[in-house]
Amino acid sequence: MSDFKLISNFKPAGDQPEAIEKLTQNLLAGKRHHVLLGVTGSGKTFTMAQTIARINKPTLVLAPNKTLAAQLYNEFKQLLPENAVEYFVSY
């Protein structure tokens, strides 16, 4: 499996470094299910991408609607351009 390579001009800021560290530690410790809460524009997708790159494992991200699924897909494609990013919408 190839490494996940995150491409971004931004660095984690605010609460992101702590969230990324805790998510990474918990996932590597085998805790599989997580909820990341934050207001609109707080960097949840960036935090997820940072965590995915650190754990270096295929990841399933669920979205509650088609609009958000498409937005997540586009952002993950930009942040992880060298990795497979796919999405499926069930009607």
PDB file of N, CA and C in Angstrom:
ATOM      1  N   MET A   1       0.855  -1.174   0.000  1.00  0.00           N
ATOM      2  CA  MET A   1       0.000   0.000   0.000  1.00  0.00           C
ATOM      3  C   MET A   1       0.900   1.236   0.000  1.00  0.00           C
ATOM      4  N   SER A   2       0.555   2.180  -0.843  1.00  0.00           N
ATOM      5  CA  SER A   2       1.343   3.414  -0.894  1.00  0.00           C
ATOM      6  C   SER A   2       0.948   4.339   0.254  1.00  0.00           C
ATOM      7  N   ASP A   3       1.856   5.231   0.579  1.00  0.00           N
ATOM      8  CA  ASP A   3       1.601   6.176   1.660  1.00  0.00           C
ATOM      9  C   ASP A   3       0.574   7.221   1.251  1.00  0.00           C
ATOM     10  N   PHE A   4      -0.178   7.680   2.225  1.00  0.00           N
ATOM     11  CA  PHE A   4      -1.083   8.800   2.009  1.00  0.00           C
ATOM     12  C   PHE A   4      -0.248  10.070   2.089  1.00  0.00           C
ATOM     13  N   LYS A   5      -0.355  10.898   1.075  1.00  0.00           N
ATOM     14  CA  LYS A   5       0.434  12.127   1.026  1.00  0.00           C
ATOM     15  C   LYS A   5      -0.509  13.321   0.956  1.00  0.00           C
ATOM     16  N   LEU A   6      -0.532  14.100   2.021  1.00  0.00           N
ATOM     17  CA  LEU A   6      -1.400  15.270   2.093  1.00  0.00           C
ATOM     18  C   LEU A   6      -0.691  16.465   1.470  1.00  0.00           C
ATOM     19  N   ILE A   7      -1.393  17.157   0.580  1.00  0.00           N
ATOM     20  CA  ILE A   7      -0.863  18.345  -0.083  1.00  0.00           C
ATOM     21  C   ILE A   7      -1.687  19.551   0.373  1.00  0.00           C
ATOM     22  N   SER A   8      -1.045  20.495   1.050  1.00  0.00           N
ATOM     23  CA  SER A   8      -1.749  21.693   1.512  1.00  0.00           C
ATOM     24  C   SER A   8      -0.750  22.794   1.820  1.00  0.00           C
ATOM     25  N   ASN A   9      -1.160  24.021   1.578  1.00  0.00           N
ATOM     26  CA  ASN A   9      -0.350  25.178   1.948  1.00  0.00           C
ATOM     27  C   ASN A   9      -0.582  25.592   3.394  1.00  0.00           C
ATOM     28  N   PHE A  10      -1.521  24.928   4.057  1.00  0.00           N
ATOM     29  CA  PHE A  10      -1.904  25.292   5.419  1.00  0.00           C
ATOM     30  C   PHE A  10      -1.336  24.312   6.428  1.00  0.00           C
ATOM     31  N   LYS A  11      -1.143  24.784   7.639  1.00  0.00           N
ATOM     32  CA  LYS A  11      -0.728  23.966   8.777  1.00  0.00           C
ATOM     33  C   LYS A  11      -1.895  23.900   9.758  1.00  0.00           C
ATOM     34  N   PRO A  12      -2.009  22.817  10.520  1.00  0.00           N
ATOM     35  CA  PRO A  12      -3.063  22.754  11.535  1.00  0.00           C
ATOM     36  C   PRO A  12      -2.945  23.926  12.512  1.00  0.00           C
ATOM     37  N   ALA A  13      -4.096  24.477  12.893  1.00  0.00           N
ATOM     38  CA  ALA A  13      -4.121  25.638  13.788  1.00  0.00           C
ATOM     39  C   ALA A  13      -5.255  25.483  14.799  1.00  0.00           C
ATOM     40  N   GLY A  14      -5.236  26.330  15.807  1.00  0.00           N
ATOM     41  CA  GLY A  14      -6.302  26.322  16.816  1.00  0.00           C
ATOM     42  C   GLY A  14      -6.372  24.988  17.537  1.00  0.00           C
ATOM     43  N   ASP A  15      -7.552  24.383  17.541  1.00  0.00           N
ATOM     44  CA  ASP A  15      -7.761  23.087  18.194  1.00  0.00           C
ATOM     45  C   ASP A  15      -7.355  21.910  17.313  1.00  0.00           C
ATOM     46  N   GLN A  16      -7.024  22.171  16.056  1.00  0.00           N
ATOM     47  CA  GLN A  16      -6.722  21.081  15.129  1.00  0.00           C
ATOM     48  C   GLN A  16      -5.546  20.200  15.556  1.00  0.00           C
ATOM     49  N   PRO A  17      -4.401  20.755  15.966  1.00  0.00           N
ATOM     50  CA  PRO A  17      -3.289  19.868  16.332  1.00  0.00           C
ATOM     51  C   PRO A  17      -3.660  18.861  17.426  1.00  0.00           C
ATOM     52  N   GLU A  18      -4.366  19.317  18.438  1.00  0.00           N
ATOM     53  CA  GLU A  18      -4.775  18.416  19.522  1.00  0.00           C
ATOM     54  C   GLU A  18      -5.768  17.374  19.016  1.00  0.00           C
ATOM     55  N   ALA A  19      -6.726  17.798  18.199  1.00  0.00           N
ATOM     56  CA  ALA A  19      -7.709  16.863  17.651  1.00  0.00           C
ATOM     57  C   ALA A  19      -7.028  15.816  16.772  1.00  0.00           C
ATOM     58  N   ILE A  20      -6.109  16.251  15.922  1.00  0.00           N
ATOM     59  CA  ILE A  20      -5.383  15.327  15.039  1.00  0.00           C
ATOM     60  C   ILE A  20      -4.589  14.324  15.867  1.00  0.00           C
ATOM     61  N   GLU A  21      -3.912  14.801  16.888  1.00  0.00           N
ATOM     62  CA  GLU A  21      -3.103  13.920  17.744  1.00  0.00           C
ATOM     63  C   GLU A  21      -3.972  12.893  18.458  1.00  0.00           C
ATOM     64  N   LYS A  22      -5.086  13.346  19.044  1.00  0.00           N
ATOM     65  CA  LYS A  22      -5.967  12.428  19.776  1.00  0.00           C
ATOM     66  C   LYS A  22      -6.623  11.422  18.837  1.00  0.00           C
ATOM     67  N   LEU A  23      -7.106  11.886  17.693  1.00  0.00           N
ATOM     68  CA  LEU A  23      -7.703  10.968  16.725  1.00  0.00           C
ATOM     69  C   LEU A  23      -6.687   9.931  16.269  1.00  0.00           C
ATOM     70  N   THR A  24      -5.478  10.379  15.951  1.00  0.00           N
ATOM     71  CA  THR A  24      -4.429   9.471  15.490  1.00  0.00           C
ATOM     72  C   THR A  24      -4.107   8.433  16.561  1.00  0.00           C
ATOM     73  N   GLN A  25      -3.894   8.871  17.788  1.00  0.00           N
ATOM     74  CA  GLN A  25      -3.578   7.946  18.885  1.00  0.00           C
ATOM     75  C   GLN A  25      -4.693   6.924  19.089  1.00  0.00           C
ATOM     76  N   ASN A  26      -5.938   7.398  19.111  1.00  0.00           N
ATOM     77  CA  ASN A  26      -7.063   6.494  19.339  1.00  0.00           C
ATOM     78  C   ASN A  26      -7.237   5.499  18.200  1.00  0.00           C
ATOM     79  N   LEU A  27      -7.082   5.944  16.970  1.00  0.00           N
ATOM     80  CA  LEU A  27      -7.210   5.031  15.836  1.00  0.00           C
ATOM     81  C   LEU A  27      -6.097   3.990  15.842  1.00  0.00           C
ATOM     82  N   LEU A  28      -4.882   4.410  16.106  1.00  0.00           N
ATOM     83  CA  LEU A  28      -3.762   3.468  16.154  1.00  0.00           C
ATOM     84  C   LEU A  28      -3.880   2.504  17.334  1.00  0.00           C
ATOM     85  N   ALA A  29      -4.616   2.908  18.375  1.00  0.00           N
ATOM     86  CA  ALA A  29      -4.857   2.040  19.531  1.00  0.00           C
ATOM     87  C   ALA A  29      -6.028   1.090  19.296  1.00  0.00           C
ATOM     88  N   GLY A  30      -6.650   1.171  18.121  1.00  0.00           N
ATOM     89  CA  GLY A  30      -7.731   0.251  17.787  1.00  0.00           C
ATOM     90  C   GLY A  30      -9.129   0.769  18.029  1.00  0.00           C
ATOM     91  N   LYS A  31      -9.259   1.990  18.481  1.00  0.00           N
ATOM     92  CA  LYS A  31     -10.588   2.583  18.660  1.00  0.00           C
ATOM     93  C   LYS A  31     -11.064   3.031  17.283  1.00  0.00           C
ATOM     94  N   ARG A  32     -12.108   2.378  16.776  1.00  0.00           N
ATOM     95  CA  ARG A  32     -12.450   2.517  15.366  1.00  0.00           C
ATOM     96  C   ARG A  32     -13.491   3.579  15.036  1.00  0.00           C
ATOM     97  N   HIS A  33     -14.340   3.933  15.935  1.00  0.00           N
ATOM     98  CA  HIS A  33     -15.451   4.837  15.623  1.00  0.00           C
ATOM     99  C   HIS A  33     -15.250   6.179  16.323  1.00  0.00           C
ATOM    100  N   HIS A  34     -15.366   7.255  15.546  1.00  0.00           N
ATOM    101  CA  HIS A  34     -15.117   8.591  16.087  1.00  0.00           C
ATOM    102  C   HIS A  34     -16.116   9.592  15.522  1.00  0.00           C
ATOM    103  N   VAL A  35     -16.384  10.614  16.285  1.00  0.00           N
ATOM    104  CA  VAL A  35     -17.204  11.734  15.834  1.00  0.00           C
ATOM    105  C   VAL A  35     -16.370  12.997  16.026  1.00  0.00           C
ATOM    106  N   LEU A  36     -16.271  13.784  14.966  1.00  0.00           N
ATOM    107  CA  LEU A  36     -15.530  15.045  15.019  1.00  0.00           C
ATOM    108  C   LEU A  36     -16.546  16.178  14.913  1.00  0.00           C
ATOM    109  N   LEU A  37     -16.666  16.953  15.964  1.00  0.00           N
ATOM    110  CA  LEU A  37     -17.643  18.042  15.998  1.00  0.00           C
ATOM    111  C   LEU A  37     -16.953  19.381  15.801  1.00  0.00           C
ATOM    112  N   GLY A  38     -17.598  20.252  15.039  1.00  0.00           N
ATOM    113  CA  GLY A  38     -17.078  21.598  14.838  1.00  0.00           C
ATOM    114  C   GLY A  38     -18.056  22.411  14.019  1.00  0.00           C
ATOM    115  N   VAL A  39     -18.014  23.713  14.193  1.00  0.00           N
ATOM    116  CA  VAL A  39     -18.901  24.593  13.439  1.00  0.00           C
ATOM    117  C   VAL A  39     -18.465  24.637  11.976  1.00  0.00           C
ATOM    118  N   THR A  40     -19.324  25.141  11.129  1.00  0.00           N
ATOM    119  CA  THR A  40     -19.023  25.298   9.718  1.00  0.00           C
ATOM    120  C   THR A  40     -17.754  26.122   9.540  1.00  0.00           C
ATOM    121  N   GLY A  41     -16.852  25.609   8.727  1.00  0.00           N
ATOM    122  CA  GLY A  41     -15.624  26.338   8.435  1.00  0.00           C
ATOM    123  C   GLY A  41     -14.525  26.187   9.469  1.00  0.00           C
ATOM    124  N   SER A  42     -14.699  25.264  10.423  1.00  0.00           N
ATOM    125  CA  SER A  42     -13.695  25.110  11.486  1.00  0.00           C
ATOM    126  C   SER A  42     -12.543  24.187  11.102  1.00  0.00           C
ATOM    127  N   GLY A  43     -12.619  23.565   9.931  1.00  0.00           N
ATOM    128  CA  GLY A  43     -11.509  22.736   9.464  1.00  0.00           C
ATOM    129  C   GLY A  43     -11.647  21.256   9.756  1.00  0.00           C
ATOM    130  N   LYS A  44     -12.881  20.761   9.830  1.00  0.00           N
ATOM    131  CA  LYS A  44     -13.089  19.340  10.108  1.00  0.00           C
ATOM    132  C   LYS A  44     -12.520  18.467   8.996  1.00  0.00           C
ATOM    133  N   THR A  45     -12.748  18.830   7.742  1.00  0.00           N
ATOM    134  CA  THR A  45     -12.242  18.035   6.623  1.00  0.00           C
ATOM    135  C   THR A  45     -10.722  18.027   6.614  1.00  0.00           C
ATOM    136  N   PHE A  46     -10.107  19.162   6.843  1.00  0.00           N
ATOM    137  CA  PHE A  46      -8.648  19.247   6.912  1.00  0.00           C
ATOM    138  C   PHE A  46      -8.118  18.392   8.060  1.00  0.00           C
ATOM    139  N   THR A  47      -8.808  18.424   9.203  1.00  0.00           N
ATOM    140  CA  THR A  47      -8.419  17.607  10.352  1.00  0.00           C
ATOM    141  C   THR A  47      -8.520  16.126  10.007  1.00  0.00           C
ATOM    142  N   MET A  48      -9.594  15.734   9.318  1.00  0.00           N
ATOM    143  CA  MET A  48      -9.739  14.336   8.906  1.00  0.00           C
ATOM    144  C   MET A  48      -8.633  13.934   7.940  1.00  0.00           C
ATOM    145  N   ALA A  49      -8.338  14.778   6.966  1.00  0.00           N
ATOM    146  CA  ALA A  49      -7.297  14.463   5.988  1.00  0.00           C
ATOM    147  C   ALA A  49      -5.936  14.326   6.663  1.00  0.00           C
ATOM    148  N   GLN A  50      -5.631  15.205   7.600  1.00  0.00           N
ATOM    149  CA  GLN A  50      -4.376  15.116   8.352  1.00  0.00           C
ATOM    150  C   GLN A  50      -4.300  13.787   9.108  1.00  0.00           C
ATOM    151  N   THR A  51      -5.407  13.400   9.725  1.00  0.00           N
ATOM    152  CA  THR A  51      -5.443  12.153  10.490  1.00  0.00           C
ATOM    153  C   THR A  51      -5.293  10.947   9.572  1.00  0.00           C
ATOM    154  N   ILE A  52      -5.991  10.959   8.444  1.00  0.00           N
ATOM    155  CA  ILE A  52      -5.890   9.862   7.477  1.00  0.00           C
ATOM    156  C   ILE A  52      -4.452   9.703   7.000  1.00  0.00           C
ATOM    157  N   ALA A  53      -3.798  10.815   6.696  1.00  0.00           N
ATOM    158  CA  ALA A  53      -2.407  10.757   6.239  1.00  0.00           C
ATOM    159  C   ALA A  53      -1.499  10.188   7.329  1.00  0.00           C
ATOM    160  N   ARG A  54      -1.779  10.500   8.567  1.00  0.00           N
ATOM    161  CA  ARG A  54      -0.931  10.012   9.665  1.00  0.00           C
ATOM    162  C   ARG A  54      -1.125   8.528   9.942  1.00  0.00           C
ATOM    163  N   ILE A  55      -2.379   8.056   9.898  1.00  0.00           N
ATOM    164  CA  ILE A  55      -2.597   6.634  10.184  1.00  0.00           C
ATOM    165  C   ILE A  55      -2.274   5.768   8.970  1.00  0.00           C
ATOM    166  N   ASN A  56      -2.299   6.382   7.777  1.00  0.00           N
ATOM    167  CA  ASN A  56      -1.896   5.704   6.546  1.00  0.00           C
ATOM    168  C   ASN A  56      -2.689   4.421   6.291  1.00  0.00           C
ATOM    169  N   LYS A  57      -4.015   4.509   6.458  1.00  0.00           N
ATOM    170  CA  LYS A  57      -4.886   3.360   6.212  1.00  0.00           C
ATOM    171  C   LYS A  57      -6.120   3.823   5.447  1.00  0.00           C
ATOM    172  N   PRO A  58      -6.680   2.935   4.618  1.00  0.00           N
ATOM    173  CA  PRO A  58      -7.932   3.286   3.943  1.00  0.00           C
ATOM    174  C   PRO A  58      -8.987   3.683   4.977  1.00  0.00           C
ATOM    175  N   THR A  59      -9.785   4.674   4.634  1.00  0.00           N
ATOM    176  CA  THR A  59     -10.718   5.257   5.597  1.00  0.00           C
ATOM    177  C   THR A  59     -12.089   5.448   4.962  1.00  0.00           C
ATOM    178  N   LEU A  60     -13.127   5.122   5.708  1.00  0.00           N
ATOM    179  CA  LEU A  60     -14.498   5.354   5.281  1.00  0.00           C
ATOM    180  C   LEU A  60     -15.020   6.580   6.020  1.00  0.00           C
ATOM    181  N   VAL A  61     -15.457   7.583   5.268  1.00  0.00           N
ATOM    182  CA  VAL A  61     -16.034   8.798   5.843  1.00  0.00           C
ATOM    183  C   VAL A  61     -17.492   8.841   5.415  1.00  0.00           C
ATOM    184  N   LEU A  62     -18.406   8.951   6.364  1.00  0.00           N
ATOM    185  CA  LEU A  62     -19.835   8.995   6.069  1.00  0.00           C
ATOM    186  C   LEU A  62     -20.340  10.430   6.142  1.00  0.00           C
ATOM    187  N   ALA A  63     -21.229  10.768   5.222  1.00  0.00           N
ATOM    188  CA  ALA A  63     -21.839  12.102   5.198  1.00  0.00           C
ATOM    189  C   ALA A  63     -23.360  11.939   5.224  1.00  0.00           C
ATOM    190  N   PRO A  64     -24.072  12.876   5.854  1.00  0.00           N
ATOM    191  CA  PRO A  64     -25.515  12.730   6.004  1.00  0.00           C
ATOM    192  C   PRO A  64     -26.337  13.082   4.766  1.00  0.00           C
ATOM    193  N   ASN A  65     -25.719  13.692   3.751  1.00  0.00           N
ATOM    194  CA  ASN A  65     -26.488  14.045   2.554  1.00  0.00           C
ATOM    195  C   ASN A  65     -25.576  14.117   1.327  1.00  0.00           C
ATOM    196  N   LYS A  66     -26.203  14.163   0.148  1.00  0.00           N
ATOM    197  CA  LYS A  66     -25.458  14.156  -1.117  1.00  0.00           C
ATOM    198  C   LYS A  66     -24.590  15.394  -1.289  1.00  0.00           C
ATOM    199  N   THR A  67     -25.083  16.529  -0.855  1.00  0.00           N
ATOM    200  CA  THR A  67     -24.333  17.774  -1.010  1.00  0.00           C
ATOM    201  C   THR A  67     -23.028  17.721  -0.227  1.00  0.00           C
ATOM    202  N   LEU A  68     -23.113  17.307   1.025  1.00  0.00           N
ATOM    203  CA  LEU A  68     -21.912  17.213   1.853  1.00  0.00           C
ATOM    204  C   LEU A  68     -20.980  16.115   1.342  1.00  0.00           C
ATOM    205  N   ALA A  69     -21.542  15.010   0.857  1.00  0.00           N
ATOM    206  CA  ALA A  69     -20.706  13.933   0.307  1.00  0.00           C
ATOM    207  C   ALA A  69     -19.880  14.448  -0.866  1.00  0.00           C
ATOM    208  N   ALA A  70     -20.506  15.211  -1.752  1.00  0.00           N
ATOM    209  CA  ALA A  70     -19.785  15.769  -2.903  1.00  0.00           C
ATOM    210  C   ALA A  70     -18.723  16.770  -2.457  1.00  0.00           C
ATOM    211  N   GLN A  71     -19.046  17.585  -1.471  1.00  0.00           N
ATOM    212  CA  GLN A  71     -18.083  18.567  -0.956  1.00  0.00           C
ATOM    213  C   GLN A  71     -16.878  17.862  -0.337  1.00  0.00           C
ATOM    214  N   LEU A  72     -17.132  16.842   0.479  1.00  0.00           N
ATOM    215  CA  LEU A  72     -16.033  16.084   1.091  1.00  0.00           C
ATOM    216  C   LEU A  72     -15.166  15.431   0.024  1.00  0.00           C
ATOM    217  N   TYR A  73     -15.812  14.837  -0.972  1.00  0.00           N
ATOM    218  CA  TYR A  73     -15.073  14.198  -2.066  1.00  0.00           C
ATOM    219  C   TYR A  73     -14.124  15.197  -2.730  1.00  0.00           C
ATOM    220  N   ASN A  74     -14.648  16.356  -3.085  1.00  0.00           N
ATOM    221  CA  ASN A  74     -13.824  17.364  -3.767  1.00  0.00           C
ATOM    222  C   ASN A  74     -12.670  17.852  -2.891  1.00  0.00           C
ATOM    223  N   GLU A  75     -12.929  18.074  -1.622  1.00  0.00           N
ATOM    224  CA  GLU A  75     -11.871  18.549  -0.726  1.00  0.00           C
ATOM    225  C   GLU A  75     -10.818  17.469  -0.490  1.00  0.00           C
ATOM    226  N   PHE A  76     -11.253  16.215  -0.307  1.00  0.00           N
ATOM    227  CA  PHE A  76     -10.283  15.132  -0.117  1.00  0.00           C
ATOM    228  C   PHE A  76      -9.452  14.908  -1.382  1.00  0.00           C
ATOM    229  N   LYS A  77     -10.065  15.060  -2.559  1.00  0.00           N
ATOM    230  CA  LYS A  77      -9.309  14.929  -3.817  1.00  0.00           C
ATOM    231  C   LYS A  77      -8.220  15.992  -3.900  1.00  0.00           C
ATOM    232  N   GLN A  78      -8.506  17.192  -3.416  1.00  0.00           N
ATOM    233  CA  GLN A  78      -7.502  18.265  -3.429  1.00  0.00           C
ATOM    234  C   GLN A  78      -6.416  18.028  -2.386  1.00  0.00           C
ATOM    235  N   LEU A  79      -6.808  17.560  -1.209  1.00  0.00           N
ATOM    236  CA  LEU A  79      -5.846  17.365  -0.122  1.00  0.00           C
ATOM    237  C   LEU A  79      -5.013  16.094  -0.285  1.00  0.00           C
ATOM    238  N   LEU A  80      -5.579  15.078  -0.931  1.00  0.00           N
ATOM    239  CA  LEU A  80      -4.894  13.795  -1.112  1.00  0.00           C
ATOM    240  C   LEU A  80      -4.875  13.426  -2.599  1.00  0.00           C
ATOM    241  N   PRO A  81      -4.276  14.261  -3.444  1.00  0.00           N
ATOM    242  CA  PRO A  81      -4.376  14.071  -4.897  1.00  0.00           C
ATOM    243  C   PRO A  81      -3.675  12.826  -5.429  1.00  0.00           C
ATOM    244  N   GLU A  82      -2.743  12.283  -4.692  1.00  0.00           N
ATOM    245  CA  GLU A  82      -2.006  11.109  -5.157  1.00  0.00           C
ATOM    246  C   GLU A  82      -2.621   9.804  -4.664  1.00  0.00           C
ATOM    247  N   ASN A  83      -3.752   9.897  -3.961  1.00  0.00           N
ATOM    248  CA  ASN A  83      -4.403   8.725  -3.392  1.00  0.00           C
ATOM    249  C   ASN A  83      -5.797   8.548  -3.976  1.00  0.00           C
ATOM    250  N   ALA A  84      -6.306   7.326  -3.887  1.00  0.00           N
ATOM    251  CA  ALA A  84      -7.652   7.041  -4.375  1.00  0.00           C
ATOM    252  C   ALA A  84      -8.672   7.670  -3.432  1.00  0.00           C
ATOM    253  N   VAL A  85      -9.507   8.521  -3.975  1.00  0.00           N
ATOM    254  CA  VAL A  85     -10.607   9.123  -3.223  1.00  0.00           C
ATOM    255  C   VAL A  85     -11.861   8.871  -4.047  1.00  0.00           C
ATOM    256  N   GLU A  86     -12.811   8.154  -3.480  1.00  0.00           N
ATOM    257  CA  GLU A  86     -14.040   7.797  -4.184  1.00  0.00           C
ATOM    258  C   GLU A  86     -15.232   8.148  -3.304  1.00  0.00           C
ATOM    259  N   TYR A  87     -16.390   8.271  -3.956  1.00  0.00           N
ATOM    260  CA  TYR A  87     -17.590   8.441  -3.139  1.00  0.00           C
ATOM    261  C   TYR A  87     -18.770   7.770  -3.791  1.00  0.00           C
ATOM    262  N   PHE A  88     -19.712   7.351  -2.955  1.00  0.00           N
ATOM    263  CA  PHE A  88     -20.911   6.640  -3.371  1.00  0.00           C
ATOM    264  C   PHE A  88     -22.096   7.293  -2.686  1.00  0.00           C
ATOM    265  N   VAL A  89     -23.135   7.555  -3.453  1.00  0.00           N
ATOM    266  CA  VAL A  89     -24.356   8.131  -2.901  1.00  0.00           C
ATOM    267  C   VAL A  89     -25.481   7.132  -3.118  1.00  0.00           C
ATOM    268  N   SER A  90     -26.147   6.759  -2.057  1.00  0.00           N
ATOM    269  CA  SER A  90     -27.283   5.851  -2.135  1.00  0.00           C
ATOM    270  C   SER A  90     -28.561   6.682  -2.112  1.00  0.00           C
ATOM    271  N   TYR A  91     -29.427   6.442  -3.075  1.00  0.00           N
ATOM    272  CA  TYR A  91     -30.660   7.234  -3.160  1.00  0.00           C
ATOM    273  C   TYR A  91     -31.745   6.589  -2.372  1.00  0.00           C
TER     274      TYR A  91
END
